[in-house]
Amino acid sequence: MFGKTLCKRSGMMALAIVGLLGSHAFALKVGTLHPLLTDLAKQVGGGDVEVVSLMPAGSDPHQFAPSGSQLASLSQTRIVLAMGKHLENYLPKIRDTLRQGQVIYEVGRSIPSVRIKEGSLFVCCPTHSRGAIDPHWWHGIKNMQRAASLLAGEFGELDPDNKAAYAARAKDYNKRLDGLRVWAKTEISKVPRSARKLATAHAAWGYFCKEFGFQSVPLQGLNNEQNASPGYLQETVQLIDKHEIRAVFPEQGANPRVLNAIAKQTGVKVGAELNASGSGHGKAGTFEGMMRHNVSTIVAALK
């Protein structure tokens, strides 16, 4: 009798352990190279995926490169998600470490690209020069909706048993993003059309401006490393006057010194910081949180 009871309890305990671990024991293991991709993978994958995130919150995606130990953490993943559009210049290094059957999926590859304007006044970084593809596709809500649908399909190919669940989560997420887009357009309607000029540190806002009807005015090129020469400052002051720009926006994690110097010379307002990298903390580390922060910040300064 005691033996039967013990066996029964052992069996129940084993089932409980399987229940606790089951969601991860057989989950599709996904590596991500950006916090917004971590968010997207969880939105689409739910409990059917286990995510290994490489890039810490608050990092600059232009400067980040994974360490050896981080690369090793990808060894058990089935798929690695990259932003794509030439943002991660270390992808060949990752490909060299992957075992047979592992894949890198560049989420942004199928998102329609915006290019940096030819003839731009600004000096851009060597990787993302004039005429090059703007890699910051994550600043468009429609883009993220497309990414969710594409990722559901990719997850479904790798994990056919949960294909319907991935598709359903992507559909639910996209409905939520429909609501986010309605909210964003309502907020932006408070800004006069003549004032919809987004003057930022670097050229990260092409997709946002295209979706919401702003003119992008990058004041430091594509990255945030350039120092401002007197000639550059003079040209920038003239540009601000010409376009009747109401505010300039610094970006989280960037040195605001140049923008502050520009504001001092022109008297233009300095808005609150925008999240350009998509690598925030807490709620700001999700796509929805990033968009709500950026839209609210822009509207507060320009309305």
C-alpha atoms as a PDB file:
ATOM      1  CA  MET A   1       0.000   0.000   0.000  1.00  0.00           C
ATOM      2  CA  PHE A   2       2.792   2.352   0.969  1.00  0.00           C
ATOM      3  CA  GLY A   3       4.647   1.482  -2.235  1.00  0.00           C
ATOM      4  CA  LYS A   4       1.583   2.200  -4.358  1.00  0.00           C
ATOM      5  CA  THR A   5       1.053   5.542  -2.616  1.00  0.00           C
ATOM      6  CA  LEU A   6       4.713   6.449  -3.077  1.00  0.00           C
ATOM      7  CA  CYS A   7       4.586   5.524  -6.747  1.00  0.00           C
ATOM      8  CA  LYS A   8       1.409   7.547  -7.198  1.00  0.00           C
ATOM      9  CA  ARG A   9       2.976  10.588  -5.528  1.00  0.00           C
ATOM     10  CA  SER A  10       6.146  10.183  -7.592  1.00  0.00           C
ATOM     11  CA  GLY A  11       4.076  10.028 -10.751  1.00  0.00           C
ATOM     12  CA  MET A  12       2.127  13.136  -9.807  1.00  0.00           C
ATOM     13  CA  MET A  13       5.370  14.933  -8.998  1.00  0.00           C
ATOM     14  CA  ALA A  14       6.828  13.971 -12.359  1.00  0.00           C
ATOM     15  CA  LEU A  15       3.736  15.267 -14.135  1.00  0.00           C
ATOM     16  CA  ALA A  16       3.958  18.516 -12.167  1.00  0.00           C
ATOM     17  CA  ILE A  17       7.587  18.952 -13.141  1.00  0.00           C
ATOM     18  CA  VAL A  18       6.743  18.288 -16.787  1.00  0.00           C
ATOM     19  CA  GLY A  19       3.935  20.814 -16.498  1.00  0.00           C
ATOM     20  CA  LEU A  20       6.274  23.430 -15.084  1.00  0.00           C
ATOM     21  CA  LEU A  21       8.995  22.814 -17.622  1.00  0.00           C
ATOM     22  CA  GLY A  22       6.898  21.821 -20.602  1.00  0.00           C
ATOM     23  CA  SER A  23       6.491  25.326 -21.975  1.00  0.00           C
ATOM     24  CA  HIS A  24      10.284  25.597 -22.352  1.00  0.00           C
ATOM     25  CA  ALA A  25      11.401  21.970 -22.709  1.00  0.00           C
ATOM     26  CA  PHE A  26       9.953  21.717 -26.215  1.00  0.00           C
ATOM     27  CA  ALA A  27       9.794  25.419 -27.095  1.00  0.00           C
ATOM     28  CA  LEU A  28      11.222  26.851 -30.289  1.00  0.00           C
ATOM     29  CA  LYS A  29      14.464  28.484 -29.167  1.00  0.00           C
ATOM     30  CA  VAL A  30      14.958  31.935 -30.701  1.00  0.00           C
ATOM     31  CA  GLY A  31      18.001  34.210 -30.526  1.00  0.00           C
ATOM     32  CA  THR A  32      17.516  37.972 -30.986  1.00  0.00           C
ATOM     33  CA  LEU A  33      19.973  40.743 -31.827  1.00  0.00           C
ATOM     34  CA  HIS A  34      17.839  43.702 -30.719  1.00  0.00           C
ATOM     35  CA  PRO A  35      15.418  44.297 -27.795  1.00  0.00           C
ATOM     36  CA  LEU A  36      12.568  45.137 -30.177  1.00  0.00           C
ATOM     37  CA  LEU A  37      13.059  41.756 -31.833  1.00  0.00           C
ATOM     38  CA  THR A  38      12.882  40.155 -28.392  1.00  0.00           C
ATOM     39  CA  ASP A  39       9.556  41.913 -27.875  1.00  0.00           C
ATOM     40  CA  LEU A  40       8.311  40.874 -31.323  1.00  0.00           C
ATOM     41  CA  ALA A  41       9.361  37.241 -30.821  1.00  0.00           C
ATOM     42  CA  LYS A  42       7.451  37.099 -27.532  1.00  0.00           C
ATOM     43  CA  GLN A  43       4.380  38.773 -29.012  1.00  0.00           C
ATOM     44  CA  VAL A  44       4.212  36.251 -31.844  1.00  0.00           C
ATOM     45  CA  GLY A  45       5.698  33.234 -30.091  1.00  0.00           C
ATOM     46  CA  GLY A  46       4.072  33.476 -26.663  1.00  0.00           C
ATOM     47  CA  GLY A  47       4.724  30.379 -24.569  1.00  0.00           C
ATOM     48  CA  ASP A  48       5.767  28.379 -27.625  1.00  0.00           C
ATOM     49  CA  VAL A  49       9.160  30.102 -27.862  1.00  0.00           C
ATOM     50  CA  GLU A  50      12.132  30.537 -25.583  1.00  0.00           C
ATOM     51  CA  VAL A  51      14.055  33.727 -26.369  1.00  0.00           C
ATOM     52  CA  VAL A  52      17.787  34.320 -25.945  1.00  0.00           C
ATOM     53  CA  SER A  53      18.405  38.072 -26.191  1.00  0.00           C
ATOM     54  CA  LEU A  54      21.923  39.276 -26.973  1.00  0.00           C
ATOM     55  CA  MET A  55      21.743  43.074 -27.035  1.00  0.00           C
ATOM     56  CA  PRO A  56      21.161  44.641 -23.586  1.00  0.00           C
ATOM     57  CA  ALA A  57      18.550  47.358 -23.119  1.00  0.00           C
ATOM     58  CA  GLY A  58      19.991  50.828 -23.602  1.00  0.00           C
ATOM     59  CA  SER A  59      22.643  49.717 -26.102  1.00  0.00           C
ATOM     60  CA  ASP A  60      23.356  51.549 -29.327  1.00  0.00           C
ATOM     61  CA  PRO A  61      22.646  49.112 -32.193  1.00  0.00           C
ATOM     62  CA  HIS A  62      25.188  50.938 -34.362  1.00  0.00           C
ATOM     63  CA  GLN A  63      27.935  50.239 -31.827  1.00  0.00           C
ATOM     64  CA  PHE A  64      26.894  46.864 -30.396  1.00  0.00           C
ATOM     65  CA  ALA A  65      28.824  43.717 -31.246  1.00  0.00           C
ATOM     66  CA  PRO A  66      28.232  40.395 -29.435  1.00  0.00           C
ATOM     67  CA  SER A  67      30.963  38.962 -27.219  1.00  0.00           C
ATOM     68  CA  GLY A  68      32.259  35.425 -27.499  1.00  0.00           C
ATOM     69  CA  SER A  69      30.131  34.264 -24.562  1.00  0.00           C
ATOM     70  CA  GLN A  70      27.047  35.865 -26.098  1.00  0.00           C
ATOM     71  CA  LEU A  71      27.692  34.091 -29.370  1.00  0.00           C
ATOM     72  CA  ALA A  72      28.039  30.828 -27.454  1.00  0.00           C
ATOM     73  CA  SER A  73      24.574  31.376 -25.939  1.00  0.00           C
ATOM     74  CA  LEU A  74      23.114  31.010 -29.435  1.00  0.00           C
ATOM     75  CA  SER A  75      24.341  27.421 -29.747  1.00  0.00           C
ATOM     76  CA  GLN A  76      20.991  25.859 -28.825  1.00  0.00           C
ATOM     77  CA  THR A  77      18.773  28.269 -30.757  1.00  0.00           C
ATOM     78  CA  ARG A  78      17.004  27.215 -33.934  1.00  0.00           C
ATOM     79  CA  ILE A  79      16.665  30.697 -35.426  1.00  0.00           C
ATOM     80  CA  VAL A  80      18.446  34.020 -34.870  1.00  0.00           C
ATOM     81  CA  LEU A  81      16.507  37.228 -35.564  1.00  0.00           C
ATOM     82  CA  ALA A  82      18.355  40.246 -36.969  1.00  0.00           C
ATOM     83  CA  MET A  83      16.993  43.676 -37.869  1.00  0.00           C
ATOM     84  CA  GLY A  84      18.624  43.462 -41.279  1.00  0.00           C
ATOM     85  CA  LYS A  85      19.088  46.273 -43.818  1.00  0.00           C
ATOM     86  CA  HIS A  86      22.848  46.182 -43.072  1.00  0.00           C
ATOM     87  CA  LEU A  87      22.375  47.298 -39.449  1.00  0.00           C
ATOM     88  CA  GLU A  88      24.298  44.355 -37.973  1.00  0.00           C
ATOM     89  CA  ASN A  89      27.693  44.365 -39.662  1.00  0.00           C
ATOM     90  CA  TYR A  90      28.709  41.390 -37.495  1.00  0.00           C
ATOM     91  CA  LEU A  91      26.266  38.916 -39.082  1.00  0.00           C
ATOM     92  CA  PRO A  92      29.043  37.060 -40.973  1.00  0.00           C
ATOM     93  CA  LYS A  93      30.718  36.416 -37.610  1.00  0.00           C
ATOM     94  CA  ILE A  94      27.495  34.900 -36.276  1.00  0.00           C
ATOM     95  CA  ARG A  95      27.005  32.781 -39.396  1.00  0.00           C
ATOM     96  CA  ASP A  96      30.444  31.287 -38.836  1.00  0.00           C
ATOM     97  CA  THR A  97      29.393  30.051 -35.371  1.00  0.00           C
ATOM     98  CA  LEU A  98      26.054  28.471 -36.313  1.00  0.00           C
ATOM     99  CA  ARG A  99      25.647  24.736 -36.567  1.00  0.00           C
ATOM    100  CA  GLN A 100      23.885  22.991 -39.449  1.00  0.00           C
ATOM    101  CA  GLY A 101      20.156  23.680 -39.404  1.00  0.00           C
ATOM    102  CA  GLN A 102      20.353  27.007 -37.601  1.00  0.00           C
ATOM    103  CA  VAL A 103      19.191  30.026 -39.581  1.00  0.00           C
ATOM    104  CA  ILE A 104      19.509  33.802 -39.410  1.00  0.00           C
ATOM    105  CA  TYR A 105      16.298  35.584 -40.311  1.00  0.00           C
ATOM    106  CA  GLU A 106      16.662  39.272 -41.230  1.00  0.00           C
ATOM    107  CA  VAL A 107      13.250  40.579 -40.233  1.00  0.00           C
ATOM    108  CA  GLY A 108      13.647  43.891 -42.057  1.00  0.00           C
ATOM    109  CA  ARG A 109      14.613  42.370 -45.389  1.00  0.00           C
ATOM    110  CA  SER A 110      11.014  42.223 -46.655  1.00  0.00           C
ATOM    111  CA  ILE A 111      10.067  45.651 -45.277  1.00  0.00           C
ATOM    112  CA  PRO A 112       9.977  48.288 -48.083  1.00  0.00           C
ATOM    113  CA  SER A 113      13.114  50.401 -47.706  1.00  0.00           C
ATOM    114  CA  VAL A 114      13.562  54.139 -47.353  1.00  0.00           C
ATOM    115  CA  ARG A 115      16.819  55.524 -48.696  1.00  0.00           C
ATOM    116  CA  ILE A 116      18.927  58.384 -47.389  1.00  0.00           C
ATOM    117  CA  LYS A 117      18.484  61.394 -49.625  1.00  0.00           C
ATOM    118  CA  GLU A 118      21.166  61.992 -52.217  1.00  0.00           C
ATOM    119  CA  GLY A 119      22.613  65.473 -52.068  1.00  0.00           C
ATOM    120  CA  SER A 120      22.092  65.701 -48.314  1.00  0.00           C
ATOM    121  CA  LEU A 121      23.907  68.526 -46.560  1.00  0.00           C
ATOM    122  CA  PHE A 122      25.099  66.222 -43.831  1.00  0.00           C
ATOM    123  CA  VAL A 123      28.124  64.000 -43.481  1.00  0.00           C
ATOM    124  CA  CYS A 124      26.942  60.464 -42.796  1.00  0.00           C
ATOM    125  CA  CYS A 125      28.695  57.491 -41.280  1.00  0.00           C
ATOM    126  CA  PRO A 126      30.622  55.259 -43.740  1.00  0.00           C
ATOM    127  CA  THR A 127      28.247  52.301 -43.309  1.00  0.00           C
ATOM    128  CA  HIS A 128      25.062  54.255 -43.984  1.00  0.00           C
ATOM    129  CA  SER A 129      26.013  56.902 -46.509  1.00  0.00           C
ATOM    130  CA  ARG A 130      23.907  59.102 -48.772  1.00  0.00           C
ATOM    131  CA  GLY A 131      21.733  57.005 -51.042  1.00  0.00           C
ATOM    132  CA  ALA A 132      22.100  53.971 -48.763  1.00  0.00           C
ATOM    133  CA  ILE A 133      19.192  52.106 -47.218  1.00  0.00           C
ATOM    134  CA  ASP A 134      17.986  53.574 -43.942  1.00  0.00           C
ATOM    135  CA  PRO A 135      18.115  50.622 -41.494  1.00  0.00           C
ATOM    136  CA  HIS A 136      15.740  52.107 -38.886  1.00  0.00           C
ATOM    137  CA  TRP A 137      12.611  50.415 -40.234  1.00  0.00           C
ATOM    138  CA  TRP A 138      11.255  49.823 -36.713  1.00  0.00           C
ATOM    139  CA  HIS A 139       9.961  53.419 -36.522  1.00  0.00           C
ATOM    140  CA  GLY A 140       6.939  52.515 -38.657  1.00  0.00           C
ATOM    141  CA  ILE A 141       3.845  50.875 -37.163  1.00  0.00           C
ATOM    142  CA  LYS A 142       2.843  49.355 -40.503  1.00  0.00           C
ATOM    143  CA  ASN A 143       6.364  47.967 -40.764  1.00  0.00           C
ATOM    144  CA  MET A 144       6.093  46.217 -37.405  1.00  0.00           C
ATOM    145  CA  GLN A 145       2.710  44.779 -38.384  1.00  0.00           C
ATOM    146  CA  ARG A 146       4.235  43.341 -41.527  1.00  0.00           C
ATOM    147  CA  ALA A 147       7.161  42.003 -39.499  1.00  0.00           C
ATOM    148  CA  ALA A 148       4.782  40.236 -37.089  1.00  0.00           C
ATOM    149  CA  SER A 149       2.968  38.497 -39.941  1.00  0.00           C
ATOM    150  CA  LEU A 150       6.230  37.472 -41.603  1.00  0.00           C
ATOM    151  CA  LEU A 151       7.671  36.170 -38.359  1.00  0.00           C
ATOM    152  CA  ALA A 152       4.554  34.109 -37.664  1.00  0.00           C
ATOM    153  CA  GLY A 153       5.085  32.427 -41.023  1.00  0.00           C
ATOM    154  CA  GLU A 154       8.762  31.805 -40.296  1.00  0.00           C
ATOM    155  CA  PHE A 155       8.035  30.347 -36.849  1.00  0.00           C
ATOM    156  CA  GLY A 156       5.318  28.185 -38.384  1.00  0.00           C
ATOM    157  CA  GLU A 157       7.764  26.722 -40.910  1.00  0.00           C
ATOM    158  CA  LEU A 158      10.166  25.746 -38.129  1.00  0.00           C
ATOM    159  CA  ASP A 159       7.473  24.591 -35.711  1.00  0.00           C
ATOM    160  CA  PRO A 160       4.487  23.319 -37.750  1.00  0.00           C
ATOM    161  CA  ASP A 161       2.648  21.975 -34.697  1.00  0.00           C
ATOM    162  CA  ASN A 162       2.159  25.543 -33.436  1.00  0.00           C
ATOM    163  CA  LYS A 163       1.710  27.242 -36.801  1.00  0.00           C
ATOM    164  CA  ALA A 164      -1.907  28.230 -36.124  1.00  0.00           C
ATOM    165  CA  ALA A 165      -1.003  29.624 -32.698  1.00  0.00           C
ATOM    166  CA  TYR A 166       1.727  31.845 -34.167  1.00  0.00           C
ATOM    167  CA  ALA A 167      -0.641  33.148 -36.828  1.00  0.00           C
ATOM    168  CA  ALA A 168      -3.341  33.872 -34.244  1.00  0.00           C
ATOM    169  CA  ARG A 169      -0.950  35.781 -31.967  1.00  0.00           C
ATOM    170  CA  ALA A 170       0.360  37.840 -34.879  1.00  0.00           C
ATOM    171  CA  LYS A 171      -3.217  38.682 -35.863  1.00  0.00           C
ATOM    172  CA  ASP A 172      -4.067  39.753 -32.294  1.00  0.00           C
ATOM    173  CA  TYR A 173      -0.882  41.800 -32.034  1.00  0.00           C
ATOM    174  CA  ASN A 174      -1.589  43.540 -35.321  1.00  0.00           C
ATOM    175  CA  LYS A 175      -5.078  44.459 -34.137  1.00  0.00           C
ATOM    176  CA  ARG A 176      -3.473  46.089 -31.110  1.00  0.00           C
ATOM    177  CA  LEU A 177      -1.090  47.949 -33.379  1.00  0.00           C
ATOM    178  CA  ASP A 178      -4.074  49.152 -35.429  1.00  0.00           C
ATOM    179  CA  GLY A 179      -5.275  50.822 -32.247  1.00  0.00           C
ATOM    180  CA  LEU A 180      -1.812  52.255 -31.609  1.00  0.00           C
ATOM    181  CA  ARG A 181      -1.766  53.748 -35.105  1.00  0.00           C
ATOM    182  CA  VAL A 182      -5.190  55.356 -34.625  1.00  0.00           C
ATOM    183  CA  TRP A 183      -3.972  56.849 -31.342  1.00  0.00           C
ATOM    184  CA  ALA A 184      -0.756  58.122 -32.970  1.00  0.00           C
ATOM    185  CA  LYS A 185      -2.597  59.778 -35.870  1.00  0.00           C
ATOM    186  CA  THR A 186      -5.039  61.406 -33.444  1.00  0.00           C
ATOM    187  CA  GLU A 187      -2.180  62.817 -31.369  1.00  0.00           C
ATOM    188  CA  ILE A 188      -0.243  63.987 -34.426  1.00  0.00           C
ATOM    189  CA  SER A 189      -3.329  65.791 -35.725  1.00  0.00           C
ATOM    190  CA  LYS A 190      -2.718  68.288 -32.895  1.00  0.00           C
ATOM    191  CA  VAL A 191       0.446  69.443 -34.720  1.00  0.00           C
ATOM    192  CA  PRO A 192      -0.159  71.928 -37.568  1.00  0.00           C
ATOM    193  CA  ARG A 193       0.941  70.502 -40.912  1.00  0.00           C
ATOM    194  CA  SER A 194       3.339  73.413 -41.386  1.00  0.00           C
ATOM    195  CA  ALA A 195       5.100  72.408 -38.136  1.00  0.00           C
ATOM    196  CA  ARG A 196       5.552  68.733 -38.975  1.00  0.00           C
ATOM    197  CA  LYS A 197       9.311  68.952 -39.372  1.00  0.00           C
ATOM    198  CA  LEU A 198      11.250  66.488 -37.275  1.00  0.00           C
ATOM    199  CA  ALA A 199      14.699  67.918 -36.516  1.00  0.00           C
ATOM    200  CA  THR A 200      16.742  65.213 -34.819  1.00  0.00           C
ATOM    201  CA  ALA A 201      20.360  64.365 -34.162  1.00  0.00           C
ATOM    202  CA  HIS A 202      20.756  61.700 -36.835  1.00  0.00           C
ATOM    203  CA  ALA A 203      18.826  60.321 -39.777  1.00  0.00           C
ATOM    204  CA  ALA A 204      16.874  57.612 -37.986  1.00  0.00           C
ATOM    205  CA  TRP A 205      13.362  58.848 -38.647  1.00  0.00           C
ATOM    206  CA  GLY A 206      12.687  58.345 -42.345  1.00  0.00           C
ATOM    207  CA  TYR A 207      10.130  55.571 -41.815  1.00  0.00           C
ATOM    208  CA  PHE A 208       8.302  57.488 -39.078  1.00  0.00           C
ATOM    209  CA  CYS A 209       8.168  60.612 -41.230  1.00  0.00           C
ATOM    210  CA  LYS A 210       6.932  58.684 -44.257  1.00  0.00           C
ATOM    211  CA  GLU A 211       4.104  57.060 -42.303  1.00  0.00           C
ATOM    212  CA  PHE A 212       2.945  60.153 -40.436  1.00  0.00           C
ATOM    213  CA  GLY A 213       3.586  62.965 -42.895  1.00  0.00           C
ATOM    214  CA  PHE A 214       6.624  64.681 -41.363  1.00  0.00           C
ATOM    215  CA  GLN A 215       9.676  66.141 -43.051  1.00  0.00           C
ATOM    216  CA  SER A 216      12.859  64.611 -41.664  1.00  0.00           C
ATOM    217  CA  VAL A 217      15.611  67.125 -40.864  1.00  0.00           C
ATOM    218  CA  PRO A 218      18.668  65.257 -39.479  1.00  0.00           C
ATOM    219  CA  LEU A 219      21.131  67.714 -37.978  1.00  0.00           C
ATOM    220  CA  GLN A 220      24.121  65.420 -37.498  1.00  0.00           C
ATOM    221  CA  GLY A 221      23.890  62.877 -40.290  1.00  0.00           C
ATOM    222  CA  LEU A 222      23.156  59.203 -39.700  1.00  0.00           C
ATOM    223  CA  ASN A 223      25.111  58.526 -36.554  1.00  0.00           C
ATOM    224  CA  ASN A 224      25.629  60.626 -33.462  1.00  0.00           C
ATOM    225  CA  GLU A 225      29.419  60.760 -33.409  1.00  0.00           C
ATOM    226  CA  GLN A 226      30.163  63.784 -35.596  1.00  0.00           C
ATOM    227  CA  ASN A 227      31.596  66.922 -34.026  1.00  0.00           C
ATOM    228  CA  ALA A 228      30.155  70.199 -35.232  1.00  0.00           C
ATOM    229  CA  SER A 229      32.529  72.582 -37.011  1.00  0.00           C
ATOM    230  CA  PRO A 230      31.764  76.320 -37.100  1.00  0.00           C
ATOM    231  CA  GLY A 231      30.854  75.980 -40.779  1.00  0.00           C
ATOM    232  CA  TYR A 232      28.483  73.138 -40.021  1.00  0.00           C
ATOM    233  CA  LEU A 233      26.796  75.126 -37.250  1.00  0.00           C
ATOM    234  CA  GLN A 234      26.324  78.076 -39.577  1.00  0.00           C
ATOM    235  CA  GLU A 235      24.732  75.890 -42.268  1.00  0.00           C
ATOM    236  CA  THR A 236      22.492  74.252 -39.673  1.00  0.00           C
ATOM    237  CA  VAL A 237      21.314  77.600 -38.303  1.00  0.00           C
ATOM    238  CA  GLN A 238      20.418  78.655 -41.833  1.00  0.00           C
ATOM    239  CA  LEU A 239      18.565  75.385 -42.371  1.00  0.00           C
ATOM    240  CA  ILE A 240      16.521  75.840 -39.184  1.00  0.00           C
ATOM    241  CA  ASP A 241      15.611  79.385 -40.179  1.00  0.00           C
ATOM    242  CA  LYS A 242      14.714  78.335 -43.721  1.00  0.00           C
ATOM    243  CA  HIS A 243      12.388  75.542 -42.599  1.00  0.00           C
ATOM    244  CA  GLU A 244      10.984  77.481 -39.638  1.00  0.00           C
ATOM    245  CA  ILE A 245      11.728  74.574 -37.330  1.00  0.00           C
ATOM    246  CA  ARG A 246      10.019  74.844 -33.947  1.00  0.00           C
ATOM    247  CA  ALA A 247      12.070  72.340 -31.953  1.00  0.00           C
ATOM    248  CA  VAL A 248      15.100  70.070 -32.127  1.00  0.00           C
ATOM    249  CA  PHE A 249      15.089  66.669 -30.457  1.00  0.00           C
ATOM    250  CA  PRO A 250      18.050  64.988 -28.750  1.00  0.00           C
ATOM    251  CA  GLU A 251      18.150  61.213 -28.627  1.00  0.00           C
ATOM    252  CA  GLN A 252      18.515  58.899 -25.665  1.00  0.00           C
ATOM    253  CA  GLY A 253      22.094  57.877 -25.082  1.00  0.00           C
ATOM    254  CA  ALA A 254      23.530  60.540 -27.412  1.00  0.00           C
ATOM    255  CA  ASN A 255      25.579  63.554 -26.431  1.00  0.00           C
ATOM    256  CA  PRO A 256      23.218  66.563 -26.708  1.00  0.00           C
ATOM    257  CA  ARG A 257      26.094  69.058 -26.873  1.00  0.00           C
ATOM    258  CA  VAL A 258      25.761  69.795 -30.588  1.00  0.00           C
ATOM    259  CA  LEU A 259      21.995  70.235 -30.469  1.00  0.00           C
ATOM    260  CA  ASN A 260      22.294  72.461 -27.418  1.00  0.00           C
ATOM    261  CA  ALA A 261      24.807  74.624 -29.293  1.00  0.00           C
ATOM    262  CA  ILE A 262      22.426  74.845 -32.244  1.00  0.00           C
ATOM    263  CA  ALA A 263      19.527  75.759 -29.966  1.00  0.00           C
ATOM    264  CA  LYS A 264      21.593  78.445 -28.260  1.00  0.00           C
ATOM    265  CA  GLN A 265      22.420  80.093 -31.582  1.00  0.00           C
ATOM    266  CA  THR A 266      18.905  79.900 -33.013  1.00  0.00           C
ATOM    267  CA  GLY A 267      16.703  80.204 -29.944  1.00  0.00           C
ATOM    268  CA  VAL A 268      14.807  77.097 -31.086  1.00  0.00           C
ATOM    269  CA  LYS A 269      13.231  74.886 -28.426  1.00  0.00           C
ATOM    270  CA  VAL A 270      14.994  71.690 -27.331  1.00  0.00           C
ATOM    271  CA  GLY A 271      12.427  68.926 -26.981  1.00  0.00           C
ATOM    272  CA  ALA A 272      12.628  65.941 -24.661  1.00  0.00           C
ATOM    273  CA  GLU A 273      14.732  62.955 -25.702  1.00  0.00           C
ATOM    274  CA  LEU A 274      13.474  60.586 -28.378  1.00  0.00           C
ATOM    275  CA  ASN A 275      14.178  56.872 -28.438  1.00  0.00           C
ATOM    276  CA  ALA A 276      15.877  56.409 -31.795  1.00  0.00           C
ATOM    277  CA  SER A 277      17.658  53.111 -31.164  1.00  0.00           C
ATOM    278  CA  GLY A 278      14.547  51.229 -30.044  1.00  0.00           C
ATOM    279  CA  SER A 279      16.607  49.995 -27.123  1.00  0.00           C
ATOM    280  CA  GLY A 280      14.837  51.348 -24.070  1.00  0.00           C
ATOM    281  CA  HIS A 281      14.218  50.082 -20.548  1.00  0.00           C
ATOM    282  CA  GLY A 282      10.975  48.700 -19.140  1.00  0.00           C
ATOM    283  CA  LYS A 283       7.889  49.650 -21.138  1.00  0.00           C
ATOM    284  CA  ALA A 284      10.052  51.811 -23.401  1.00  0.00           C
ATOM    285  CA  GLY A 285      11.832  48.612 -24.407  1.00  0.00           C
ATOM    286  CA  THR A 286       8.730  47.371 -26.208  1.00  0.00           C
ATOM    287  CA  PHE A 287       7.650  48.590 -29.614  1.00  0.00           C
ATOM    288  CA  GLU A 288       4.366  49.976 -28.285  1.00  0.00           C
ATOM    289  CA  GLY A 289       6.111  51.734 -25.409  1.00  0.00           C
ATOM    290  CA  MET A 290       8.723  53.252 -27.735  1.00  0.00           C
ATOM    291  CA  MET A 291       6.097  54.549 -30.154  1.00  0.00           C
ATOM    292  CA  ARG A 292       3.942  56.063 -27.418  1.00  0.00           C
ATOM    293  CA  HIS A 293       6.957  57.802 -25.909  1.00  0.00           C
ATOM    294  CA  ASN A 294       8.185  59.189 -29.232  1.00  0.00           C
ATOM    295  CA  VAL A 295       4.792  60.363 -30.491  1.00  0.00           C
ATOM    296  CA  SER A 296       3.948  62.011 -27.156  1.00  0.00           C
ATOM    297  CA  THR A 297       7.352  63.737 -27.045  1.00  0.00           C
ATOM    298  CA  ILE A 298       7.098  65.061 -30.604  1.00  0.00           C
ATOM    299  CA  VAL A 299       3.533  66.300 -30.178  1.00  0.00           C
ATOM    300  CA  ALA A 300       4.302  67.992 -26.844  1.00  0.00           C
ATOM    301  CA  ALA A 301       7.074  70.053 -28.466  1.00  0.00           C
ATOM    302  CA  LEU A 302       5.394  70.883 -31.790  1.00  0.00           C
ATOM    303  CA  LYS A 303       1.659  71.304 -31.117  1.00  0.00           C
END
